[in-house]
Each structure stands twice: as C-alpha cells, then as structure tokens.
Amino acid sequence: MNATSAFFKFISIKTMNTAIVMLGSNLDPEFNLELAKEKLSDYFDITKQSNILINKPVGNKYKNDFHNQALKLLSVETAEETRYIFKEIEMEMGRIPESKKKGEVPIDIDLIFWNDIQVDTDYNHFDFVTKCVDEIR
C-alpha cells in the first residue's frame, strides 16, 4: 500500500459513537415500539434495551398511557445525522404535528446522551427517562 492509499484509507474510517435514546408511544404502543426498534436496527447496532415502563401522560392533551423504553445504539453517523434518521423514522411511522395536537404519539425518538454527554434535559425532568436510561448506562 502506498502513502496515498494509506492516507485515504485512514480518513475513510468513521468514528463509532454511542447514543442513548428514549422511545415513547401512546398509540398502539407495543406494536410501535417494536416497529421503531426494527427500523432503528436498519441504521444502528442496538446494544442494550431497558425494560418498558408504562407511564401516565404528562399534560392534559394526551389520551392514553405512554410506553417508554431506552436503547443504547452504536452509530457511525454524527449526532445531527442520527437525529435526522430519528425524525425520518417518526414520520414514516405516522408522527405528524396534527397527531401530537390530538394527543396521539405513534412514536417519539429522543436522543438523550451522545458519547456519554447529556444532550437532552428530559433526563433531569422525568423520572421514567432517568430510570430507563440509568438501567442501560
């Protein structure tokens, strides 16, 4: 291998990132959590999963209890690219602004930690997020 090909091989290696995400659903939640994990596994390696917690909704607009679960993922993408993939999956699964206004959330995928750095305040504000995340950290 010459110096030029060695250089290009070196710069093409992507860094593996660790993400901890929260999944939430209050619309056919058992099905939607499983479907979200299937879709996420098309892009990421899922290395850990918390137990699923069933929680009363926060706020008056939500109709049904939420099912929540934390996942630990490995990603070669950047944090921004990873969030974009999450939003694409949410839209594929029927998440639109009108559904949230009606109190129905087919799936919510939030990035909580990126490479052990907290990037979302939900970890500090909601006990169920803290409990699920701490289970897999």
Protein backbone atom coordinates (compact mmCIF):
# COMPACT_ATOMS: atom_id res chain seq x y z
CA MET A 1 0.00 0.00 0.00
CA ASN A 2 1.47 3.34 -0.98
CA ALA A 3 1.31 6.50 1.14
CA THR A 4 -1.64 7.98 -0.81
CA SER A 5 -3.87 4.91 -0.49
CA ALA A 6 -2.92 4.55 3.18
CA PHE A 7 -3.94 8.19 3.76
CA PHE A 8 -7.34 7.72 2.08
CA LYS A 9 -7.96 4.50 3.99
CA PHE A 10 -7.18 6.36 7.22
CA ILE A 11 -9.53 9.29 6.55
CA SER A 12 -12.37 6.99 5.44
CA ILE A 13 -12.55 5.29 8.85
CA LYS A 14 -15.51 6.68 10.74
CA THR A 15 -15.66 7.01 14.49
CA MET A 16 -18.13 4.78 16.32
CA ASN A 17 -20.44 6.85 18.51
CA THR A 18 -22.63 5.72 21.38
CA ALA A 19 -26.15 7.09 21.64
CA ILE A 20 -28.73 6.58 24.34
CA VAL A 21 -32.24 7.26 23.12
CA MET A 22 -35.73 7.20 24.58
CA LEU A 23 -38.65 5.71 22.72
CA GLY A 24 -42.20 6.63 23.62
CA SER A 25 -45.61 5.76 22.23
CA ASN A 26 -49.21 6.10 23.36
CA LEU A 27 -50.84 4.81 20.17
CA ASP A 28 -50.68 1.02 19.75
CA PRO A 29 -47.51 1.22 21.84
CA GLU A 30 -46.47 -2.45 21.90
CA PHE A 31 -46.52 -2.61 18.11
CA ASN A 32 -44.96 0.81 17.58
CA LEU A 33 -42.05 0.30 19.98
CA GLU A 34 -41.16 -2.97 18.23
CA LEU A 35 -41.51 -1.40 14.79
CA ALA A 36 -39.31 1.53 15.81
CA LYS A 37 -36.61 -0.87 17.03
CA GLU A 38 -36.78 -2.77 13.73
CA LYS A 39 -36.39 0.47 11.77
CA LEU A 40 -33.57 1.72 14.02
CA SER A 41 -31.73 -1.58 13.58
CA ASP A 42 -31.57 -0.87 9.83
CA TYR A 43 -29.22 2.05 10.65
CA PHE A 44 -27.68 1.28 14.04
CA ASP A 45 -26.50 -1.56 16.24
CA ILE A 46 -28.79 -1.78 19.27
CA THR A 47 -26.55 -2.98 22.10
CA LYS A 48 -28.84 -2.61 25.13
CA GLN A 49 -32.54 -2.14 25.89
CA SER A 50 -34.18 -1.09 29.12
CA ASN A 51 -37.38 -2.58 30.38
CA ILE A 52 -40.52 -0.92 29.06
CA LEU A 53 -42.20 1.40 31.54
CA ILE A 54 -45.88 2.33 31.30
CA ASN A 55 -46.49 5.91 32.41
CA LYS A 56 -49.41 8.23 32.82
CA PRO A 57 -49.27 11.05 30.27
CA VAL A 58 -47.81 14.41 31.28
CA GLY A 59 -50.29 17.12 30.28
CA ASN A 60 -53.98 17.13 29.51
CA LYS A 61 -53.81 16.72 25.74
CA TYR A 62 -52.57 13.11 25.76
CA LYS A 63 -55.28 10.47 25.82
CA ASN A 64 -53.52 7.20 26.59
CA ASP A 65 -50.72 5.97 28.81
CA PHE A 66 -47.24 6.05 27.30
CA HIS A 67 -44.95 3.08 26.93
CA ASN A 68 -41.32 4.18 27.20
CA GLN A 69 -38.01 2.41 26.67
CA ALA A 70 -34.36 3.42 26.48
CA LEU A 71 -31.96 1.99 23.91
CA LYS A 72 -28.20 2.14 23.59
CA LEU A 73 -27.13 2.42 19.96
CA LEU A 74 -23.83 2.43 18.11
CA SER A 75 -23.69 4.90 15.24
CA VAL A 76 -21.08 5.90 12.67
CA GLU A 77 -23.20 8.96 11.92
CA THR A 78 -22.84 12.36 13.57
CA ALA A 79 -25.32 13.39 16.26
CA GLU A 80 -27.11 15.62 13.73
CA GLU A 81 -27.33 12.82 11.15
CA THR A 82 -28.56 10.44 13.84
CA ARG A 83 -31.32 12.86 14.90
CA TYR A 84 -32.31 13.27 11.26
CA ILE A 85 -32.71 9.49 10.93
CA PHE A 86 -34.88 9.51 14.08
CA LYS A 87 -37.15 12.19 12.59
CA GLU A 88 -37.42 10.25 9.32
CA ILE A 89 -38.47 7.12 11.22
CA GLU A 90 -41.01 9.12 13.25
CA MET A 91 -42.57 10.47 10.05
CA GLU A 92 -42.56 7.01 8.39
CA MET A 93 -44.48 5.73 11.41
CA GLY A 94 -47.14 8.43 11.17
CA ARG A 95 -45.87 11.09 13.52
CA ILE A 96 -47.14 14.42 12.26
CA PRO A 97 -47.77 17.71 14.10
CA GLU A 98 -51.53 17.13 13.99
CA SER A 99 -51.27 13.77 15.75
CA LYS A 100 -49.45 15.30 18.72
CA LYS A 101 -52.08 18.06 18.89
CA LYS A 102 -54.73 15.32 19.12
CA GLY A 103 -52.77 13.68 21.94
CA GLU A 104 -51.68 10.69 19.87
CA VAL A 105 -48.00 9.83 19.55
CA PRO A 106 -47.30 6.78 17.39
CA ILE A 107 -43.59 7.09 18.18
CA ASP A 108 -41.23 9.59 19.74
CA ILE A 109 -37.47 9.04 19.47
CA ASP A 110 -35.29 11.39 21.51
CA LEU A 111 -31.51 11.49 21.75
CA ILE A 112 -30.66 11.75 25.47
CA PHE A 113 -26.89 11.05 25.61
CA TRP A 114 -24.28 11.24 22.86
CA ASN A 115 -20.92 9.68 23.71
CA ASP A 116 -21.73 9.98 27.43
CA ILE A 117 -22.62 13.68 27.13
CA GLN A 118 -26.17 14.61 28.08
CA VAL A 119 -27.85 16.37 25.16
CA ASP A 120 -31.48 16.46 26.33
CA THR A 121 -32.91 17.82 29.58
CA ASP A 122 -35.64 15.15 29.75
CA TYR A 123 -33.13 13.04 31.71
CA ASN A 124 -33.32 15.59 34.54
CA HIS A 125 -37.04 16.35 34.30
CA PHE A 126 -38.81 13.00 34.00
CA ASP A 127 -38.29 10.11 36.43
CA PHE A 128 -39.21 7.50 33.83
CA VAL A 129 -36.46 8.78 31.49
CA THR A 130 -33.89 8.70 34.30
CA LYS A 131 -34.93 5.22 35.34
CA CYS A 132 -34.83 3.74 31.82
CA VAL A 133 -31.55 5.42 30.88
CA ASP A 134 -29.80 4.51 34.13
CA GLU A 135 -30.79 0.89 33.60
CA ILE A 136 -28.64 0.66 30.43
CA ARG A 137 -25.79 3.13 31.08
